[in-house]
Amino acid sequence: MLKITPYLGPSVLIVSIGGLWYPMLGYFLLLVMGTLLITSMFRGRWFCGNLCPRGSYFDYGIIKISKKKKIPKILSSMWVRIPAFAVMMAFMLYRISVTLAAQNTIELIGMIFVSMCLVTTLIGTILGGYFNARSWCNACPMGTMQRFIGGKKYQLKMDPESCVDCKKCEKVCPMELEVRDIGNNPDCIKCGRCVDICPKDSLTF
């Protein structure tokens, strides 16, 4: 995780709430989407664990009120994730296409991004508060896209000979992944918490 990671969370609230009065803030999402698309080609879901403002919001904000219940497996199911991605993309493209014919197009499109950020943040807050803070990240359409683009890139590696099976790595994984069997798990967000806590330095990227 980067040093800047803990400080990115407030930007989610600034866009979601401040954007209701200043729609241009919605274009911040384009920067986020562009960055995650580029990084996903080389490091998979690395963006999620290091530069995602909403991920930071969950890790350092929602975690304080989370009941920390186990994340429902259905949220990571492709039967949920692919339809969610398709619906979000279709909604966004439809709203933008309709808006292009209206006046004040730039501000209206910005508001579309703001409303998407607000709704998904609200859903993520509810899920994170009731279950694990990162519950939304299991179904996140942008995370799913990164998984498909570069899920096999920058994989976590483990030295089985030095591993003492303490399971500390799995206890700190915000995605609740089975870290010791993670070799080919494309949903690893590369936050590095498992690497940092391993007492035997058995894990590396």
Foldseek 3Di string as FASTA:
>chain_A
DDPCLLVLQVLLVCLQPVCVVVLLSLCVVVVVLVVLVVVLLAAQLQCLQGPDNLSSCLVNPLQVQAPAAAQDPVLLDPVQQVVVLVVVVVVLVVQLVVLVVDPPSSSSNSVSSNNVSNVLSVVLSVSCNHHPSCNSLSRDNSSVVSLVNHLLHPFKAFDVVQQPPPCPLQVPQSVNDPVVPRRRGSNRNPNCPSCVPRPRNGMDD
